[in-house]
Amino acid sequence: MSLKKKIIPAIIAKSQQELEDKINKVKEYVEIIQLDIMDGKFVPNKSVDFDFKLPKADCIFEAHLMIKNPEEWIKKHINKVDMVLAHIESCKKPKKLVNLAKENDKHVGFVLNPETPLSTIMGYIDDIDQVLIMTVNPGFYGSLFLPEMLDKIKKLRELKPDLDIEVDGGVTDKTIHLVDKAGANMFVSGSYIVKSYDVKQAIASLKKLIDLVNH
């Protein structure tokens, strides 16, 4: 089975206006948009920590919850998005969180910080839709890519050949081929896409690099 490869822009926004501007900038060129939700506690930054509304877009929205209490967020906002990705480090009852998302007919996945081992999610791996592996310490655009995370991606791909494996952090034209080769099929890129002068070109350049690896 060949998993579809996808480029996903990550949106950090401090206000409703900034959120709309950034989504409108990228929505024509991608299938999925990731919203970076940060509470200033789980990570030192804040983003989309307000009662947001999403502009009309022909995209899937996934929420990357970098927050202390993902269950509370899900209860409040789940109807706005298609997919929730919660950090396993902040889940008090991971199974309960998975069930909460599923009860609302939403996809759900767990996120692993760089220092968090794969073993923490293995008990839930058959109940979730995807895993997001952080290749930076989360919370900011433009953090440095951690190449030692490539082994974690490889191991997970060996364990679960059919799982959607997403990678987030420092994914640029210089690093995307490394995570592709390691076994990821979903590539989140924040500043490289969103801060680009030409979003369409930035996305096209990343797509071309992962297509090249396939030939």
C-alpha atoms as a PDB file:
ATOM      1  CA  MET A   1       0.000   0.000   0.000  1.00  0.00           C
ATOM      2  CA  SER A   2       1.395   3.365  -0.987  1.00  0.00           C
ATOM      3  CA  LEU A   3       0.354   6.177   1.329  1.00  0.00           C
ATOM      4  CA  LYS A   4      -0.458   9.495  -0.293  1.00  0.00           C
ATOM      5  CA  LYS A   5       2.141  12.187   0.335  1.00  0.00           C
ATOM      6  CA  LYS A   6       0.881  15.584   1.447  1.00  0.00           C
ATOM      7  CA  ILE A   7       2.384  18.988   2.133  1.00  0.00           C
ATOM      8  CA  ILE A   8       0.638  20.737   5.040  1.00  0.00           C
ATOM      9  CA  PRO A   9       1.173  24.407   5.932  1.00  0.00           C
ATOM     10  CA  ALA A  10       1.100  25.190   9.673  1.00  0.00           C
ATOM     11  CA  ILE A  11      -0.673  28.351  10.784  1.00  0.00           C
ATOM     12  CA  ILE A  12       0.367  30.325  13.871  1.00  0.00           C
ATOM     13  CA  ALA A  13      -1.951  33.270  14.522  1.00  0.00           C
ATOM     14  CA  LYS A  14      -2.490  35.734  17.369  1.00  0.00           C
ATOM     15  CA  SER A  15      -5.794  37.121  16.106  1.00  0.00           C
ATOM     16  CA  GLN A  16      -8.827  36.200  14.007  1.00  0.00           C
ATOM     17  CA  GLN A  17      -7.617  38.543  11.246  1.00  0.00           C
ATOM     18  CA  GLU A  18      -4.134  36.991  11.118  1.00  0.00           C
ATOM     19  CA  LEU A  19      -5.688  33.506  11.081  1.00  0.00           C
ATOM     20  CA  GLU A  20      -7.898  34.371   8.105  1.00  0.00           C
ATOM     21  CA  ASP A  21      -5.097  36.121   6.224  1.00  0.00           C
ATOM     22  CA  LYS A  22      -2.744  33.155   6.548  1.00  0.00           C
ATOM     23  CA  ILE A  23      -5.377  30.549   5.678  1.00  0.00           C
ATOM     24  CA  ASN A  24      -6.454  32.562   2.626  1.00  0.00           C
ATOM     25  CA  LYS A  25      -2.809  32.782   1.547  1.00  0.00           C
ATOM     26  CA  VAL A  26      -2.365  28.983   1.370  1.00  0.00           C
ATOM     27  CA  LYS A  27      -5.800  27.389   0.942  1.00  0.00           C
ATOM     28  CA  GLU A  28      -5.803  27.197  -2.866  1.00  0.00           C
ATOM     29  CA  TYR A  29      -2.638  25.099  -3.012  1.00  0.00           C
ATOM     30  CA  VAL A  30      -3.117  22.380  -0.374  1.00  0.00           C
ATOM     31  CA  GLU A  31      -5.540  19.679   0.781  1.00  0.00           C
ATOM     32  CA  ILE A  32      -4.835  20.028   4.515  1.00  0.00           C
ATOM     33  CA  ILE A  33      -4.093  23.025   6.744  1.00  0.00           C
ATOM     34  CA  GLN A  34      -2.763  22.619  10.257  1.00  0.00           C
ATOM     35  CA  LEU A  35      -3.793  25.066  12.977  1.00  0.00           C
ATOM     36  CA  ASP A  36      -1.150  25.443  15.669  1.00  0.00           C
ATOM     37  CA  ILE A  37      -3.066  25.818  18.928  1.00  0.00           C
ATOM     38  CA  MET A  38      -0.839  27.003  21.797  1.00  0.00           C
ATOM     39  CA  ASP A  39      -1.799  28.099  25.294  1.00  0.00           C
ATOM     40  CA  GLY A  40       1.482  29.671  26.470  1.00  0.00           C
ATOM     41  CA  LYS A  41       1.748  26.949  29.143  1.00  0.00           C
ATOM     42  CA  PHE A  42       2.538  23.659  27.394  1.00  0.00           C
ATOM     43  CA  VAL A  43       4.786  25.681  25.059  1.00  0.00           C
ATOM     44  CA  PRO A  44       6.020  29.240  25.715  1.00  0.00           C
ATOM     45  CA  ASN A  45       4.175  30.749  22.728  1.00  0.00           C
ATOM     46  CA  LYS A  46       0.462  31.487  22.171  1.00  0.00           C
ATOM     47  CA  SER A  47      -1.489  30.869  18.971  1.00  0.00           C
ATOM     48  CA  VAL A  48      -5.181  30.551  18.070  1.00  0.00           C
ATOM     49  CA  ASP A  49      -6.004  30.673  21.800  1.00  0.00           C
ATOM     50  CA  PHE A  50      -9.299  32.462  21.170  1.00  0.00           C
ATOM     51  CA  ASP A  51     -12.794  31.491  20.024  1.00  0.00           C
ATOM     52  CA  PHE A  52     -11.830  31.306  16.363  1.00  0.00           C
ATOM     53  CA  LYS A  53     -13.861  30.999  13.188  1.00  0.00           C
ATOM     54  CA  LEU A  54     -12.430  29.416  10.047  1.00  0.00           C
ATOM     55  CA  PRO A  55     -12.876  31.089   6.659  1.00  0.00           C
ATOM     56  CA  LYS A  56     -14.482  29.077   3.872  1.00  0.00           C
ATOM     57  CA  ALA A  57     -11.910  26.734   2.388  1.00  0.00           C
ATOM     58  CA  ASP A  58     -11.977  23.533   0.397  1.00  0.00           C
ATOM     59  CA  CYS A  59      -9.489  21.951   2.807  1.00  0.00           C
ATOM     60  CA  ILE A  60      -9.287  19.603   5.720  1.00  0.00           C
ATOM     61  CA  PHE A  61      -8.332  21.371   8.947  1.00  0.00           C
ATOM     62  CA  GLU A  62      -6.299  19.620  11.604  1.00  0.00           C
ATOM     63  CA  ALA A  63      -5.661  21.118  15.030  1.00  0.00           C
ATOM     64  CA  HIS A  64      -2.221  20.524  16.537  1.00  0.00           C
ATOM     65  CA  LEU A  65      -2.932  20.959  20.248  1.00  0.00           C
ATOM     66  CA  MET A  66       0.173  22.243  22.033  1.00  0.00           C
ATOM     67  CA  ILE A  67      -1.830  22.850  25.181  1.00  0.00           C
ATOM     68  CA  LYS A  68      -2.104  21.629  28.778  1.00  0.00           C
ATOM     69  CA  ASN A  69      -5.698  20.421  28.520  1.00  0.00           C
ATOM     70  CA  PRO A  70      -6.517  18.978  25.092  1.00  0.00           C
ATOM     71  CA  GLU A  71      -9.746  17.323  26.288  1.00  0.00           C
ATOM     72  CA  GLU A  72     -11.266  20.684  27.242  1.00  0.00           C
ATOM     73  CA  TRP A  73     -10.338  22.142  23.854  1.00  0.00           C
ATOM     74  CA  ILE A  74     -11.894  19.186  22.048  1.00  0.00           C
ATOM     75  CA  LYS A  75     -15.165  19.598  23.964  1.00  0.00           C
ATOM     76  CA  LYS A  76     -15.305  23.276  22.971  1.00  0.00           C
ATOM     77  CA  HIS A  77     -13.980  23.391  19.399  1.00  0.00           C
ATOM     78  CA  ILE A  78     -14.098  19.897  17.858  1.00  0.00           C
ATOM     79  CA  ASN A  79     -16.950  20.839  15.495  1.00  0.00           C
ATOM     80  CA  LYS A  80     -14.691  23.398  13.753  1.00  0.00           C
ATOM     81  CA  VAL A  81     -11.995  20.973  12.588  1.00  0.00           C
ATOM     82  CA  ASP A  82     -11.710  17.552  10.917  1.00  0.00           C
ATOM     83  CA  MET A  83      -8.802  16.146  12.879  1.00  0.00           C
ATOM     84  CA  VAL A  84      -7.229  16.646  16.296  1.00  0.00           C
ATOM     85  CA  LEU A  85      -3.609  15.919  17.109  1.00  0.00           C
ATOM     86  CA  ALA A  86      -2.882  15.918  20.835  1.00  0.00           C
ATOM     87  CA  HIS A  87       0.520  15.738  22.500  1.00  0.00           C
ATOM     88  CA  ILE A  88       0.715  12.458  24.384  1.00  0.00           C
ATOM     89  CA  GLU A  89       2.732  14.347  27.033  1.00  0.00           C
ATOM     90  CA  SER A  90      -0.338  16.441  27.929  1.00  0.00           C
ATOM     91  CA  CYS A  91      -2.957  13.642  27.842  1.00  0.00           C
ATOM     92  CA  LYS A  92      -4.042  12.493  31.274  1.00  0.00           C
ATOM     93  CA  LYS A  93      -6.314   9.806  29.801  1.00  0.00           C
ATOM     94  CA  PRO A  94      -5.252   9.144  26.196  1.00  0.00           C
ATOM     95  CA  LYS A  95      -7.955   6.509  25.563  1.00  0.00           C
ATOM     96  CA  LYS A  96     -10.656   8.900  26.750  1.00  0.00           C
ATOM     97  CA  LEU A  97      -9.359  11.579  24.393  1.00  0.00           C
ATOM     98  CA  VAL A  98      -9.386   9.166  21.445  1.00  0.00           C
ATOM     99  CA  ASN A  99     -12.973   8.165  22.269  1.00  0.00           C
ATOM    100  CA  LEU A 100     -14.040  11.814  22.587  1.00  0.00           C
ATOM    101  CA  ALA A 101     -12.797  12.570  19.075  1.00  0.00           C
ATOM    102  CA  LYS A 102     -14.300   9.402  17.598  1.00  0.00           C
ATOM    103  CA  GLU A 103     -17.687  10.054  19.230  1.00  0.00           C
ATOM    104  CA  ASN A 104     -17.710  13.340  17.306  1.00  0.00           C
ATOM    105  CA  ASP A 105     -16.810  11.529  14.045  1.00  0.00           C
ATOM    106  CA  LYS A 106     -13.392  13.189  13.904  1.00  0.00           C
ATOM    107  CA  HIS A 107      -9.988  11.772  13.100  1.00  0.00           C
ATOM    108  CA  VAL A 108      -7.479  11.709  15.912  1.00  0.00           C
ATOM    109  CA  GLY A 109      -3.756  11.278  16.338  1.00  0.00           C
ATOM    110  CA  PHE A 110      -1.016  11.664  18.920  1.00  0.00           C
ATOM    111  CA  VAL A 111       2.016  13.942  18.783  1.00  0.00           C
ATOM    112  CA  LEU A 112       5.441  13.077  20.161  1.00  0.00           C
ATOM    113  CA  ASN A 113       7.932  15.690  21.312  1.00  0.00           C
ATOM    114  CA  PRO A 114      11.577  14.969  20.394  1.00  0.00           C
ATOM    115  CA  GLU A 115      12.412  13.434  23.780  1.00  0.00           C
ATOM    116  CA  THR A 116       9.245  11.284  23.972  1.00  0.00           C
ATOM    117  CA  PRO A 117       9.753   7.615  23.010  1.00  0.00           C
ATOM    118  CA  LEU A 118       7.459   5.702  20.631  1.00  0.00           C
ATOM    119  CA  SER A 119       6.587   3.326  23.484  1.00  0.00           C
ATOM    120  CA  THR A 120       4.293   5.987  25.025  1.00  0.00           C
ATOM    121  CA  ILE A 121       1.763   5.644  22.185  1.00  0.00           C
ATOM    122  CA  MET A 122       2.056   1.956  21.379  1.00  0.00           C
ATOM    123  CA  GLY A 123      -0.949   1.041  23.531  1.00  0.00           C
ATOM    124  CA  TYR A 124      -3.181   3.267  21.360  1.00  0.00           C
ATOM    125  CA  ILE A 125      -1.580   2.846  17.952  1.00  0.00           C
ATOM    126  CA  ASP A 126      -4.408   0.733  16.504  1.00  0.00           C
ATOM    127  CA  ASP A 127      -7.084   3.209  17.637  1.00  0.00           C
ATOM    128  CA  ILE A 128      -5.644   6.359  16.051  1.00  0.00           C
ATOM    129  CA  ASP A 129      -5.484   7.666  12.479  1.00  0.00           C
ATOM    130  CA  GLN A 130      -2.018   9.154  12.466  1.00  0.00           C
ATOM    131  CA  VAL A 131       1.083  10.034  14.460  1.00  0.00           C
ATOM    132  CA  LEU A 132       2.851  13.374  14.329  1.00  0.00           C
ATOM    133  CA  ILE A 133       6.558  13.258  15.133  1.00  0.00           C
ATOM    134  CA  MET A 134       8.089  16.584  16.136  1.00  0.00           C
ATOM    135  CA  THR A 135      11.490  17.200  14.551  1.00  0.00           C
ATOM    136  CA  VAL A 136      11.952  20.402  16.562  1.00  0.00           C
ATOM    137  CA  ASN A 137      11.058  21.440  20.097  1.00  0.00           C
ATOM    138  CA  PRO A 138       7.541  22.819  19.518  1.00  0.00           C
ATOM    139  CA  GLY A 139       6.164  26.318  19.849  1.00  0.00           C
ATOM    140  CA  PHE A 140       7.763  28.569  17.226  1.00  0.00           C
ATOM    141  CA  TYR A 141       8.180  29.065  13.498  1.00  0.00           C
ATOM    142  CA  GLY A 142      11.695  28.498  12.246  1.00  0.00           C
ATOM    143  CA  SER A 143      13.126  26.207  14.964  1.00  0.00           C
ATOM    144  CA  LEU A 144      16.121  24.053  14.064  1.00  0.00           C
ATOM    145  CA  PHE A 145      15.522  20.606  12.566  1.00  0.00           C
ATOM    146  CA  LEU A 146      16.721  17.699  14.749  1.00  0.00           C
ATOM    147  CA  PRO A 147      18.159  14.996  12.425  1.00  0.00           C
ATOM    148  CA  GLU A 148      18.316  12.463  15.280  1.00  0.00           C
ATOM    149  CA  MET A 149      14.502  12.196  14.996  1.00  0.00           C
ATOM    150  CA  LEU A 150      14.837  10.386  11.643  1.00  0.00           C
ATOM    151  CA  ASP A 151      15.415   7.080  13.451  1.00  0.00           C
ATOM    152  CA  LYS A 152      12.117   7.490  15.298  1.00  0.00           C
ATOM    153  CA  ILE A 153      10.302   7.951  11.967  1.00  0.00           C
ATOM    154  CA  LYS A 154      12.023   4.866  10.498  1.00  0.00           C
ATOM    155  CA  LYS A 155      11.132   2.716  13.528  1.00  0.00           C
ATOM    156  CA  LEU A 156       7.491   3.762  13.465  1.00  0.00           C
ATOM    157  CA  ARG A 157       7.236   3.085   9.719  1.00  0.00           C
ATOM    158  CA  GLU A 158       8.685  -0.411  10.230  1.00  0.00           C
ATOM    159  CA  LEU A 159       6.175  -1.082  13.021  1.00  0.00           C
ATOM    160  CA  LYS A 160       3.155   0.362  11.153  1.00  0.00           C
ATOM    161  CA  PRO A 161       3.569   0.264   7.347  1.00  0.00           C
ATOM    162  CA  ASP A 162       0.010   1.568   6.736  1.00  0.00           C
ATOM    163  CA  LEU A 163      -0.059   4.417   9.256  1.00  0.00           C
ATOM    164  CA  ASP A 164      -0.125   8.090   8.277  1.00  0.00           C
ATOM    165  CA  ILE A 165       3.113   9.463   9.715  1.00  0.00           C
ATOM    166  CA  GLU A 166       3.308  13.226   9.849  1.00  0.00           C
ATOM    167  CA  VAL A 167       6.443  15.230  10.586  1.00  0.00           C
ATOM    168  CA  ASP A 168       6.508  18.783  11.882  1.00  0.00           C
ATOM    169  CA  GLY A 169       9.455  21.044  12.532  1.00  0.00           C
ATOM    170  CA  GLY A 170      12.151  22.563  10.375  1.00  0.00           C
ATOM    171  CA  VAL A 171      10.727  20.997   7.209  1.00  0.00           C
ATOM    172  CA  THR A 172      12.202  22.980   4.306  1.00  0.00           C
ATOM    173  CA  ASP A 173      13.690  22.341   0.875  1.00  0.00           C
ATOM    174  CA  LYS A 174      16.888  21.308   2.720  1.00  0.00           C
ATOM    175  CA  THR A 175      15.317  18.666   4.998  1.00  0.00           C
ATOM    176  CA  ILE A 176      12.150  17.295   3.367  1.00  0.00           C
ATOM    177  CA  HIS A 177      13.988  14.566   1.433  1.00  0.00           C
ATOM    178  CA  LEU A 178      15.403  13.247   4.734  1.00  0.00           C
ATOM    179  CA  VAL A 179      12.004  12.804   6.398  1.00  0.00           C
ATOM    180  CA  ASP A 180      10.551  11.409   3.178  1.00  0.00           C
ATOM    181  CA  LYS A 181      13.308   8.814   2.987  1.00  0.00           C
ATOM    182  CA  ALA A 182      12.860   7.962   6.682  1.00  0.00           C
ATOM    183  CA  GLY A 183       9.240   6.988   5.992  1.00  0.00           C
ATOM    184  CA  ALA A 184       6.996   9.994   6.660  1.00  0.00           C
ATOM    185  CA  ASN A 185       4.175  10.694   4.202  1.00  0.00           C
ATOM    186  CA  MET A 186       2.764  13.950   5.630  1.00  0.00           C
ATOM    187  CA  PHE A 187       5.025  16.973   5.797  1.00  0.00           C
ATOM    188  CA  VAL A 188       4.122  19.998   7.905  1.00  0.00           C
ATOM    189  CA  SER A 189       5.965  23.167   7.005  1.00  0.00           C
ATOM    190  CA  GLY A 190       5.415  26.420   8.852  1.00  0.00           C
ATOM    191  CA  SER A 191       7.680  29.349   8.149  1.00  0.00           C
ATOM    192  CA  TYR A 192       9.088  27.949   4.881  1.00  0.00           C
ATOM    193  CA  ILE A 193       5.605  28.143   3.332  1.00  0.00           C
ATOM    194  CA  VAL A 194       3.708  30.763   5.319  1.00  0.00           C
ATOM    195  CA  LYS A 195       6.508  33.341   5.429  1.00  0.00           C
ATOM    196  CA  SER A 196       7.402  32.801   1.786  1.00  0.00           C
ATOM    197  CA  TYR A 197       6.968  35.641  -0.725  1.00  0.00           C
ATOM    198  CA  ASP A 198       5.504  33.114  -3.144  1.00  0.00           C
ATOM    199  CA  VAL A 199       3.470  30.475  -1.314  1.00  0.00           C
ATOM    200  CA  LYS A 200       2.550  28.596  -4.475  1.00  0.00           C
ATOM    201  CA  GLN A 201       6.210  28.297  -5.468  1.00  0.00           C
ATOM    202  CA  ALA A 202       7.290  27.259  -1.942  1.00  0.00           C
ATOM    203  CA  ILE A 203       4.722  24.429  -1.889  1.00  0.00           C
ATOM    204  CA  ALA A 204       5.602  23.382  -5.450  1.00  0.00           C
ATOM    205  CA  SER A 205       9.315  23.211  -4.554  1.00  0.00           C
ATOM    206  CA  LEU A 206       8.598  20.869  -1.607  1.00  0.00           C
ATOM    207  CA  LYS A 207       6.297  18.677  -3.714  1.00  0.00           C
ATOM    208  CA  LYS A 208       8.923  18.409  -6.405  1.00  0.00           C
ATOM    209  CA  LEU A 209      11.553  17.269  -3.902  1.00  0.00           C
ATOM    210  CA  ILE A 210       9.431  14.424  -2.533  1.00  0.00           C
ATOM    211  CA  ASP A 211       8.325  13.440  -6.021  1.00  0.00           C
ATOM    212  CA  LEU A 212      11.969  13.271  -7.094  1.00  0.00           C
ATOM    213  CA  VAL A 213      12.717  10.783  -4.336  1.00  0.00           C
ATOM    214  CA  ASN A 214      10.011   8.478  -5.682  1.00  0.00           C
ATOM    215  CA  HIS A 215      11.535   8.081  -9.133  1.00  0.00           C
END
